[in-house]
Amino acid sequence: MALSLRSAEERILVGEALRSHGVAGWVAVKPIGTDPERFPALESVFLNEIPYLVEKVRVVGRAVLLKLVGVEDANQAAELRGKLIFIPFVQRLPLPEGQYFIDDLIGFAVVTTEGQAIGRLTEVWSMPANDVLVVRTAEESQILIPALKSAVRAIEREDRRIVVEAWSLVQ
């Protein structure tokens, strides 16, 4: 199942609460679609629709531990298990050149290097080996394209289109 990184209230999905950590109310978080190093800069988050102030953050490899104001013990932290963690859209960090926010690309036209229209990008699946672009054609069929440099030749923001190699199309 693919999740949209942006909710209707213009928030970005940055993680999921996995479990409590220790007895002092820390929450173990699985980062989603973002670098764990972005978490220490956060002052507040939303777990589903409930706002929380961030008291402390620890980053351990790819894992993140959050201490939220008002979450004082392991039982309170455990109640947050499975909740999605959002930040306001305006708090997103700028990306390095050549990297893109997935939601910025949703709706882009997808064409081959020869100029053949394929369809529109509807979602991106995060898979173990690489991400996969999901494209909906005019005929309402679905085409999958590996998000690899060899397959995706260009992302043209101004023209709102993604140029791909024809060999990369999988129905």
N, C-alpha and C. Protein backbone atom coordinates (compact mmCIF):
# COMPACT_ATOMS: atom_id res chain seq x y z
N MET A 1 0.84 -1.18 0.00
CA MET A 1 0.00 0.00 0.00
C MET A 1 0.88 1.24 0.00
N ALA A 2 0.61 2.18 -0.87
CA ALA A 2 1.37 3.42 -0.92
C ALA A 2 0.64 4.48 -0.12
N LEU A 3 1.38 5.28 0.61
CA LEU A 3 0.80 6.35 1.39
C LEU A 3 1.14 7.68 0.75
N SER A 4 0.22 8.61 0.78
CA SER A 4 0.52 9.96 0.32
C SER A 4 1.31 10.64 1.41
N LEU A 5 2.33 11.38 1.03
CA LEU A 5 3.14 12.07 2.01
C LEU A 5 2.49 13.36 2.47
N ARG A 6 1.43 13.79 1.80
CA ARG A 6 0.78 15.03 2.15
C ARG A 6 -0.69 14.77 2.44
N SER A 7 -1.18 15.29 3.56
CA SER A 7 -2.59 15.10 3.89
C SER A 7 -3.40 16.28 3.35
N ALA A 8 -4.69 16.21 3.52
CA ALA A 8 -5.57 17.27 3.04
C ALA A 8 -5.28 18.59 3.75
N GLU A 9 -4.73 18.55 4.95
CA GLU A 9 -4.43 19.77 5.70
C GLU A 9 -3.02 20.27 5.42
N GLU A 10 -2.42 19.84 4.33
CA GLU A 10 -1.07 20.27 3.93
C GLU A 10 -0.03 19.92 4.99
N ARG A 11 -0.02 18.67 5.35
CA ARG A 11 1.01 18.15 6.24
C ARG A 11 1.75 17.06 5.51
N ILE A 12 3.00 16.86 5.90
CA ILE A 12 3.83 15.84 5.28
C ILE A 12 4.01 14.69 6.24
N LEU A 13 3.81 13.49 5.74
CA LEU A 13 4.04 12.29 6.52
C LEU A 13 5.55 12.09 6.65
N VAL A 14 6.04 12.01 7.90
CA VAL A 14 7.47 11.82 8.12
C VAL A 14 7.79 10.56 8.89
N GLY A 15 6.78 9.89 9.45
CA GLY A 15 7.08 8.69 10.19
C GLY A 15 5.85 8.00 10.74
N GLU A 16 6.13 6.88 11.40
CA GLU A 16 5.09 6.10 12.07
C GLU A 16 5.60 5.72 13.45
N ALA A 17 4.76 5.91 14.46
CA ALA A 17 5.12 5.50 15.82
C ALA A 17 5.08 3.98 15.89
N LEU A 18 6.21 3.37 16.27
CA LEU A 18 6.31 1.92 16.30
C LEU A 18 5.97 1.31 17.65
N ARG A 19 6.53 1.91 18.71
CA ARG A 19 6.36 1.33 20.05
C ARG A 19 6.94 2.31 21.08
N SER A 20 6.70 2.00 22.34
CA SER A 20 7.35 2.79 23.39
C SER A 20 8.80 2.33 23.50
N HIS A 21 9.64 3.21 24.03
CA HIS A 21 11.05 2.89 24.21
C HIS A 21 11.42 3.31 25.63
N GLY A 22 11.70 2.34 26.47
CA GLY A 22 12.03 2.64 27.86
C GLY A 22 10.78 2.96 28.67
N VAL A 23 11.00 3.51 29.87
CA VAL A 23 9.88 3.76 30.78
C VAL A 23 9.52 5.24 30.90
N ALA A 24 10.30 6.12 30.26
CA ALA A 24 10.11 7.57 30.44
C ALA A 24 9.24 8.22 29.37
N GLY A 25 8.58 7.41 28.53
CA GLY A 25 7.66 7.99 27.56
C GLY A 25 8.25 8.26 26.18
N TRP A 26 9.41 7.71 25.89
CA TRP A 26 10.00 7.86 24.55
C TRP A 26 9.22 6.99 23.56
N VAL A 27 9.13 7.46 22.31
CA VAL A 27 8.44 6.75 21.25
C VAL A 27 9.44 6.41 20.15
N ALA A 28 9.55 5.13 19.79
CA ALA A 28 10.39 4.71 18.67
C ALA A 28 9.61 5.00 17.38
N VAL A 29 10.30 5.62 16.43
CA VAL A 29 9.67 6.07 15.20
C VAL A 29 10.36 5.48 13.98
N LYS A 30 9.56 5.02 13.02
CA LYS A 30 10.08 4.60 11.72
C LYS A 30 9.94 5.80 10.78
N PRO A 31 11.07 6.39 10.33
CA PRO A 31 10.97 7.50 9.38
C PRO A 31 10.38 7.02 8.06
N ILE A 32 9.53 7.84 7.45
CA ILE A 32 8.93 7.53 6.16
C ILE A 32 9.22 8.69 5.21
N GLY A 33 9.91 8.38 4.13
CA GLY A 33 10.15 9.38 3.09
C GLY A 33 11.01 10.54 3.50
N THR A 34 11.79 10.40 4.54
CA THR A 34 12.63 11.50 4.99
C THR A 34 13.86 10.96 5.70
N ASP A 35 14.89 11.77 5.74
CA ASP A 35 16.14 11.44 6.41
C ASP A 35 15.92 11.55 7.92
N PRO A 36 16.33 10.57 8.70
CA PRO A 36 16.16 10.65 10.16
C PRO A 36 16.82 11.88 10.76
N GLU A 37 17.85 12.41 10.12
CA GLU A 37 18.56 13.57 10.64
C GLU A 37 17.72 14.84 10.61
N ARG A 38 16.56 14.80 9.95
CA ARG A 38 15.70 15.98 9.93
C ARG A 38 14.90 16.12 11.22
N PHE A 39 14.76 15.04 11.99
CA PHE A 39 13.92 15.06 13.19
C PHE A 39 14.42 16.00 14.29
N PRO A 40 15.75 16.11 14.55
CA PRO A 40 16.17 17.00 15.64
C PRO A 40 15.74 18.46 15.46
N ALA A 41 15.48 18.89 14.25
CA ALA A 41 15.07 20.28 14.01
C ALA A 41 13.58 20.50 14.27
N LEU A 42 12.82 19.44 14.49
CA LEU A 42 11.38 19.58 14.66
C LEU A 42 11.03 20.12 16.05
N GLU A 43 10.11 21.07 16.06
CA GLU A 43 9.61 21.60 17.32
C GLU A 43 8.26 21.02 17.68
N SER A 44 7.50 20.62 16.64
CA SER A 44 6.19 20.04 16.88
C SER A 44 5.87 19.05 15.77
N VAL A 45 4.97 18.13 16.10
CA VAL A 45 4.51 17.12 15.13
C VAL A 45 3.03 16.88 15.38
N PHE A 46 2.40 16.21 14.43
CA PHE A 46 1.03 15.75 14.59
C PHE A 46 1.05 14.24 14.54
N LEU A 47 0.46 13.58 15.51
CA LEU A 47 0.25 12.14 15.44
C LEU A 47 -1.21 11.97 15.06
N ASN A 48 -1.41 11.53 13.80
CA ASN A 48 -2.71 11.60 13.16
C ASN A 48 -3.13 13.07 13.21
N GLU A 49 -4.14 13.44 13.93
CA GLU A 49 -4.59 14.84 13.93
C GLU A 49 -4.25 15.57 15.23
N ILE A 50 -3.58 14.91 16.15
CA ILE A 50 -3.32 15.50 17.47
C ILE A 50 -1.93 16.13 17.50
N PRO A 51 -1.84 17.44 17.81
CA PRO A 51 -0.53 18.10 17.86
C PRO A 51 0.22 17.78 19.15
N TYR A 52 1.55 17.66 19.01
CA TYR A 52 2.44 17.45 20.15
C TYR A 52 3.66 18.34 19.98
N LEU A 53 4.14 18.88 21.09
CA LEU A 53 5.43 19.56 21.08
C LEU A 53 6.51 18.51 21.26
N VAL A 54 7.62 18.69 20.55
CA VAL A 54 8.74 17.76 20.66
C VAL A 54 9.66 18.25 21.77
N GLU A 55 9.86 17.40 22.77
CA GLU A 55 10.73 17.76 23.90
C GLU A 55 12.19 17.43 23.60
N LYS A 56 12.43 16.20 23.10
CA LYS A 56 13.79 15.75 22.78
C LYS A 56 13.73 14.78 21.61
N VAL A 57 14.87 14.65 20.91
CA VAL A 57 14.99 13.71 19.79
C VAL A 57 16.34 13.02 19.89
N ARG A 58 16.33 11.72 19.64
CA ARG A 58 17.58 10.96 19.50
C ARG A 58 17.52 10.23 18.17
N VAL A 59 18.60 10.33 17.39
CA VAL A 59 18.71 9.60 16.13
C VAL A 59 19.78 8.54 16.33
N VAL A 60 19.40 7.29 16.07
CA VAL A 60 20.33 6.17 16.20
C VAL A 60 20.29 5.40 14.89
N GLY A 61 21.26 5.68 14.00
CA GLY A 61 21.25 5.07 12.68
C GLY A 61 20.04 5.55 11.90
N ARG A 62 19.22 4.60 11.45
CA ARG A 62 17.99 4.95 10.71
C ARG A 62 16.79 5.07 11.65
N ALA A 63 17.01 4.83 12.93
CA ALA A 63 15.92 4.89 13.90
C ALA A 63 15.85 6.27 14.56
N VAL A 64 14.66 6.64 14.98
CA VAL A 64 14.44 7.91 15.66
C VAL A 64 13.66 7.64 16.93
N LEU A 65 14.07 8.28 17.99
CA LEU A 65 13.35 8.23 19.26
C LEU A 65 12.86 9.64 19.56
N LEU A 66 11.56 9.77 19.82
CA LEU A 66 10.96 11.06 20.14
C LEU A 66 10.47 11.07 21.57
N LYS A 67 10.74 12.18 22.25
CA LYS A 67 10.15 12.43 23.57
C LYS A 67 9.21 13.60 23.37
N LEU A 68 7.92 13.33 23.53
CA LEU A 68 6.89 14.33 23.29
C LEU A 68 6.37 14.90 24.60
N VAL A 69 6.13 16.21 24.61
CA VAL A 69 5.58 16.85 25.80
C VAL A 69 4.22 16.23 26.09
N GLY A 70 4.01 15.82 27.34
CA GLY A 70 2.74 15.23 27.75
C GLY A 70 2.71 13.72 27.71
N VAL A 71 3.72 13.12 27.09
CA VAL A 71 3.82 11.65 27.06
C VAL A 71 4.88 11.30 28.10
N GLU A 72 4.41 10.88 29.28
CA GLU A 72 5.30 10.78 30.44
C GLU A 72 5.77 9.38 30.80
N ASP A 73 5.11 8.35 30.25
CA ASP A 73 5.53 7.00 30.64
C ASP A 73 5.35 6.04 29.48
N ALA A 74 5.81 4.82 29.70
CA ALA A 74 5.77 3.79 28.65
C ALA A 74 4.34 3.48 28.20
N ASN A 75 3.39 3.51 29.14
CA ASN A 75 2.00 3.22 28.77
C ASN A 75 1.44 4.27 27.83
N GLN A 76 1.70 5.54 28.11
CA GLN A 76 1.23 6.62 27.23
C GLN A 76 1.91 6.52 25.87
N ALA A 77 3.20 6.21 25.86
CA ALA A 77 3.92 6.07 24.60
C ALA A 77 3.38 4.89 23.79
N ALA A 78 3.07 3.79 24.47
CA ALA A 78 2.55 2.59 23.80
C ALA A 78 1.20 2.87 23.13
N GLU A 79 0.42 3.77 23.69
CA GLU A 79 -0.88 4.12 23.10
C GLU A 79 -0.72 4.80 21.73
N LEU A 80 0.46 5.31 21.45
CA LEU A 80 0.70 6.01 20.18
C LEU A 80 1.11 5.05 19.06
N ARG A 81 1.31 3.79 19.40
CA ARG A 81 1.74 2.78 18.41
C ARG A 81 0.83 2.79 17.19
N GLY A 82 1.46 2.81 16.01
CA GLY A 82 0.72 2.76 14.75
C GLY A 82 0.23 4.11 14.24
N LYS A 83 0.34 5.15 15.05
CA LYS A 83 -0.10 6.47 14.60
C LYS A 83 0.91 7.05 13.62
N LEU A 84 0.39 7.73 12.61
CA LEU A 84 1.24 8.37 11.62
C LEU A 84 1.68 9.73 12.13
N ILE A 85 2.93 10.08 11.81
CA ILE A 85 3.52 11.33 12.29
C ILE A 85 3.67 12.29 11.12
N PHE A 86 3.05 13.46 11.26
CA PHE A 86 3.08 14.48 10.22
C PHE A 86 3.75 15.74 10.74
N ILE A 87 4.27 16.52 9.81
CA ILE A 87 4.73 17.88 10.12
C ILE A 87 4.01 18.83 9.17
N PRO A 88 3.89 20.10 9.55
CA PRO A 88 3.31 21.06 8.61
C PRO A 88 4.16 21.11 7.33
N PHE A 89 3.49 21.19 6.20
CA PHE A 89 4.15 21.18 4.90
C PHE A 89 5.24 22.25 4.80
N VAL A 90 5.02 23.40 5.41
CA VAL A 90 5.98 24.49 5.33
C VAL A 90 7.28 24.19 6.07
N GLN A 91 7.31 23.15 6.91
CA GLN A 91 8.53 22.80 7.65
C GLN A 91 9.43 21.81 6.91
N ARG A 92 9.06 21.42 5.72
CA ARG A 92 9.90 20.45 5.02
C ARG A 92 11.25 21.08 4.69
N LEU A 93 12.25 20.26 4.69
CA LEU A 93 13.62 20.71 4.40
C LEU A 93 13.84 20.77 2.89
N PRO A 94 14.65 21.70 2.44
CA PRO A 94 14.98 21.69 1.01
C PRO A 94 15.82 20.46 0.68
N LEU A 95 15.64 19.95 -0.52
CA LEU A 95 16.39 18.78 -0.96
C LEU A 95 17.59 19.18 -1.81
N PRO A 96 18.61 18.34 -1.83
CA PRO A 96 19.75 18.61 -2.71
C PRO A 96 19.33 18.56 -4.18
N GLU A 97 20.11 19.16 -5.03
CA GLU A 97 19.87 19.15 -6.47
C GLU A 97 19.70 17.71 -6.96
N GLY A 98 18.67 17.48 -7.78
CA GLY A 98 18.44 16.16 -8.34
C GLY A 98 17.57 15.26 -7.49
N GLN A 99 17.14 15.73 -6.31
CA GLN A 99 16.22 14.97 -5.48
C GLN A 99 14.90 15.73 -5.42
N TYR A 100 13.80 14.97 -5.24
CA TYR A 100 12.47 15.57 -5.31
C TYR A 100 11.58 15.00 -4.23
N PHE A 101 10.63 15.82 -3.78
CA PHE A 101 9.59 15.32 -2.90
C PHE A 101 8.59 14.58 -3.78
N ILE A 102 8.20 13.41 -3.35
CA ILE A 102 7.30 12.58 -4.14
C ILE A 102 6.02 13.34 -4.47
N ASP A 103 5.43 13.98 -3.48
CA ASP A 103 4.16 14.66 -3.72
C ASP A 103 4.28 15.81 -4.72
N ASP A 104 5.46 16.38 -4.87
CA ASP A 104 5.65 17.42 -5.88
C ASP A 104 5.54 16.85 -7.29
N LEU A 105 5.79 15.55 -7.44
CA LEU A 105 5.79 14.92 -8.76
C LEU A 105 4.45 14.28 -9.14
N ILE A 106 3.59 14.05 -8.15
CA ILE A 106 2.30 13.43 -8.43
C ILE A 106 1.52 14.32 -9.40
N GLY A 107 0.99 13.70 -10.45
CA GLY A 107 0.25 14.44 -11.46
C GLY A 107 1.09 14.84 -12.67
N PHE A 108 2.41 14.67 -12.58
CA PHE A 108 3.28 14.99 -13.72
C PHE A 108 2.95 14.05 -14.88
N ALA A 109 3.03 14.58 -16.09
CA ALA A 109 2.91 13.76 -17.30
C ALA A 109 4.16 12.90 -17.40
N VAL A 110 4.00 11.68 -17.89
CA VAL A 110 5.14 10.79 -18.10
C VAL A 110 5.20 10.49 -19.60
N VAL A 111 6.37 10.75 -20.18
CA VAL A 111 6.59 10.54 -21.61
C VAL A 111 7.89 9.78 -21.82
N THR A 112 8.01 9.12 -22.97
CA THR A 112 9.26 8.43 -23.30
C THR A 112 10.25 9.44 -23.87
N THR A 113 11.49 9.01 -23.99
CA THR A 113 12.53 9.87 -24.58
C THR A 113 12.21 10.19 -26.03
N GLU A 114 11.36 9.38 -26.66
CA GLU A 114 10.93 9.63 -28.04
C GLU A 114 9.73 10.56 -28.10
N GLY A 115 9.19 10.97 -26.94
CA GLY A 115 8.07 11.90 -26.90
C GLY A 115 6.70 11.25 -26.83
N GLN A 116 6.64 9.93 -26.72
CA GLN A 116 5.35 9.24 -26.64
C GLN A 116 4.74 9.44 -25.25
N ALA A 117 3.51 9.92 -25.19
CA ALA A 117 2.81 10.12 -23.91
C ALA A 117 2.46 8.76 -23.31
N ILE A 118 2.76 8.58 -22.04
CA ILE A 118 2.46 7.33 -21.34
C ILE A 118 1.26 7.52 -20.42
N GLY A 119 1.24 8.57 -19.64
CA GLY A 119 0.15 8.82 -18.71
C GLY A 119 0.57 9.82 -17.66
N ARG A 120 -0.02 9.71 -16.47
CA ARG A 120 0.27 10.62 -15.35
C ARG A 120 0.74 9.82 -14.14
N LEU A 121 1.73 10.37 -13.45
CA LEU A 121 2.22 9.75 -12.22
C LEU A 121 1.15 9.86 -11.14
N THR A 122 0.72 8.72 -10.59
CA THR A 122 -0.32 8.73 -9.57
C THR A 122 0.20 8.43 -8.17
N GLU A 123 1.29 7.66 -8.09
CA GLU A 123 1.88 7.37 -6.79
C GLU A 123 3.27 6.79 -6.99
N VAL A 124 4.00 6.67 -5.89
CA VAL A 124 5.33 6.06 -5.91
C VAL A 124 5.36 5.01 -4.81
N TRP A 125 5.72 3.80 -5.21
CA TRP A 125 5.83 2.71 -4.23
C TRP A 125 7.27 2.65 -3.75
N SER A 126 7.44 2.55 -2.45
CA SER A 126 8.76 2.38 -1.87
C SER A 126 9.01 0.88 -1.72
N MET A 127 9.94 0.36 -2.50
CA MET A 127 10.23 -1.07 -2.52
C MET A 127 11.66 -1.30 -1.98
N PRO A 128 11.99 -2.52 -1.59
CA PRO A 128 13.32 -2.78 -1.04
C PRO A 128 14.48 -2.42 -1.97
N ALA A 129 14.38 -2.75 -3.24
CA ALA A 129 15.49 -2.50 -4.16
C ALA A 129 15.51 -1.05 -4.65
N ASN A 130 14.35 -0.50 -4.98
CA ASN A 130 14.25 0.87 -5.47
C ASN A 130 12.78 1.28 -5.47
N ASP A 131 12.56 2.58 -5.55
CA ASP A 131 11.18 3.05 -5.65
C ASP A 131 10.64 2.70 -7.04
N VAL A 132 9.31 2.66 -7.15
CA VAL A 132 8.64 2.35 -8.41
C VAL A 132 7.61 3.44 -8.68
N LEU A 133 7.67 4.04 -9.88
CA LEU A 133 6.70 5.03 -10.30
C LEU A 133 5.46 4.31 -10.81
N VAL A 134 4.29 4.73 -10.35
CA VAL A 134 3.03 4.15 -10.80
C VAL A 134 2.36 5.19 -11.70
N VAL A 135 2.16 4.80 -12.96
CA VAL A 135 1.62 5.71 -13.96
C VAL A 135 0.28 5.19 -14.43
N ARG A 136 -0.72 6.07 -14.46
CA ARG A 136 -2.06 5.73 -14.95
C ARG A 136 -2.17 6.26 -16.38
N THR A 137 -2.50 5.36 -17.31
CA THR A 137 -2.62 5.74 -18.72
C THR A 137 -4.01 6.33 -18.99
N ALA A 138 -4.19 6.90 -20.18
CA ALA A 138 -5.49 7.44 -20.59
C ALA A 138 -6.54 6.33 -20.63
N GLU A 139 -6.10 5.10 -20.87
CA GLU A 139 -7.01 3.95 -20.92
C GLU A 139 -7.27 3.37 -19.53
N GLU A 140 -6.78 4.04 -18.50
CA GLU A 140 -6.95 3.63 -17.11
C GLU A 140 -6.18 2.37 -16.74
N SER A 141 -5.18 2.00 -17.53
CA SER A 141 -4.32 0.90 -17.12
C SER A 141 -3.16 1.48 -16.30
N GLN A 142 -2.46 0.60 -15.62
CA GLN A 142 -1.38 1.01 -14.74
C GLN A 142 -0.06 0.53 -15.31
N ILE A 143 0.92 1.41 -15.35
CA ILE A 143 2.26 1.06 -15.81
C ILE A 143 3.24 1.35 -14.68
N LEU A 144 4.15 0.42 -14.44
CA LEU A 144 5.15 0.57 -13.39
C LEU A 144 6.50 0.86 -14.03
N ILE A 145 7.23 1.81 -13.44
CA ILE A 145 8.54 2.19 -13.95
C ILE A 145 9.51 2.23 -12.78
N PRO A 146 10.63 1.51 -12.86
CA PRO A 146 11.61 1.57 -11.77
C PRO A 146 12.20 2.98 -11.67
N ALA A 147 12.31 3.50 -10.47
CA ALA A 147 12.86 4.83 -10.26
C ALA A 147 14.39 4.73 -10.21
N LEU A 148 14.97 4.46 -11.36
CA LEU A 148 16.41 4.33 -11.51
C LEU A 148 16.89 5.38 -12.51
N LYS A 149 18.12 5.84 -12.35
CA LYS A 149 18.67 6.84 -13.29
C LYS A 149 18.66 6.32 -14.72
N SER A 150 18.86 5.03 -14.89
CA SER A 150 18.88 4.46 -16.24
C SER A 150 17.48 4.44 -16.87
N ALA A 151 16.43 4.48 -16.06
CA ALA A 151 15.06 4.44 -16.57
C ALA A 151 14.43 5.84 -16.63
N VAL A 152 14.65 6.62 -15.59
CA VAL A 152 14.10 7.98 -15.54
C VAL A 152 15.19 8.93 -16.02
N ARG A 153 15.01 9.45 -17.21
CA ARG A 153 16.06 10.27 -17.84
C ARG A 153 16.03 11.73 -17.42
N ALA A 154 14.83 12.25 -17.13
CA ALA A 154 14.75 13.67 -16.74
C ALA A 154 13.45 13.92 -15.98
N ILE A 155 13.54 14.85 -15.04
CA ILE A 155 12.35 15.37 -14.37
C ILE A 155 12.34 16.86 -14.67
N GLU A 156 11.33 17.28 -15.40
CA GLU A 156 11.24 18.67 -15.86
C GLU A 156 10.14 19.37 -15.08
N ARG A 157 10.55 20.04 -14.00
CA ARG A 157 9.58 20.68 -13.11
C ARG A 157 8.73 21.74 -13.83
N GLU A 158 9.38 22.57 -14.63
CA GLU A 158 8.66 23.66 -15.28
C GLU A 158 7.56 23.14 -16.21
N ASP A 159 7.84 22.04 -16.91
CA ASP A 159 6.87 21.45 -17.83
C ASP A 159 6.00 20.40 -17.16
N ARG A 160 6.27 20.13 -15.87
CA ARG A 160 5.54 19.12 -15.09
C ARG A 160 5.49 17.78 -15.82
N ARG A 161 6.70 17.31 -16.21
CA ARG A 161 6.76 16.02 -16.88
C ARG A 161 8.01 15.25 -16.50
N ILE A 162 7.87 13.93 -16.63
CA ILE A 162 8.96 13.00 -16.34
C ILE A 162 9.25 12.25 -17.63
N VAL A 163 10.51 12.24 -18.03
CA VAL A 163 10.93 11.57 -19.26
C VAL A 163 11.58 10.24 -18.90
N VAL A 164 11.08 9.16 -19.50
CA VAL A 164 11.57 7.82 -19.18
C VAL A 164 12.00 7.08 -20.44
N GLU A 165 12.83 6.08 -20.25
CA GLU A 165 13.22 5.19 -21.34
C GLU A 165 12.07 4.22 -21.62
N ALA A 166 11.76 3.99 -22.89
CA ALA A 166 10.65 3.11 -23.27
C ALA A 166 10.85 1.70 -22.74
N TRP A 167 12.10 1.21 -22.67
CA TRP A 167 12.35 -0.16 -22.22
C TRP A 167 11.92 -0.37 -20.77
N SER A 168 11.77 0.71 -20.00
CA SER A 168 11.51 0.58 -18.56
C SER A 168 10.05 0.38 -18.22
N LEU A 169 9.16 0.42 -19.21
CA LEU A 169 7.71 0.34 -18.94
C LEU A 169 7.29 -1.10 -18.66
N VAL A 170 6.61 -1.30 -17.53
CA VAL A 170 6.12 -2.63 -17.15
C VAL A 170 4.62 -2.52 -16.89
N GLN A 171 3.82 -3.33 -17.62
CA GLN A 171 2.37 -3.29 -17.38
C GLN A 171 1.95 -4.38 -16.44
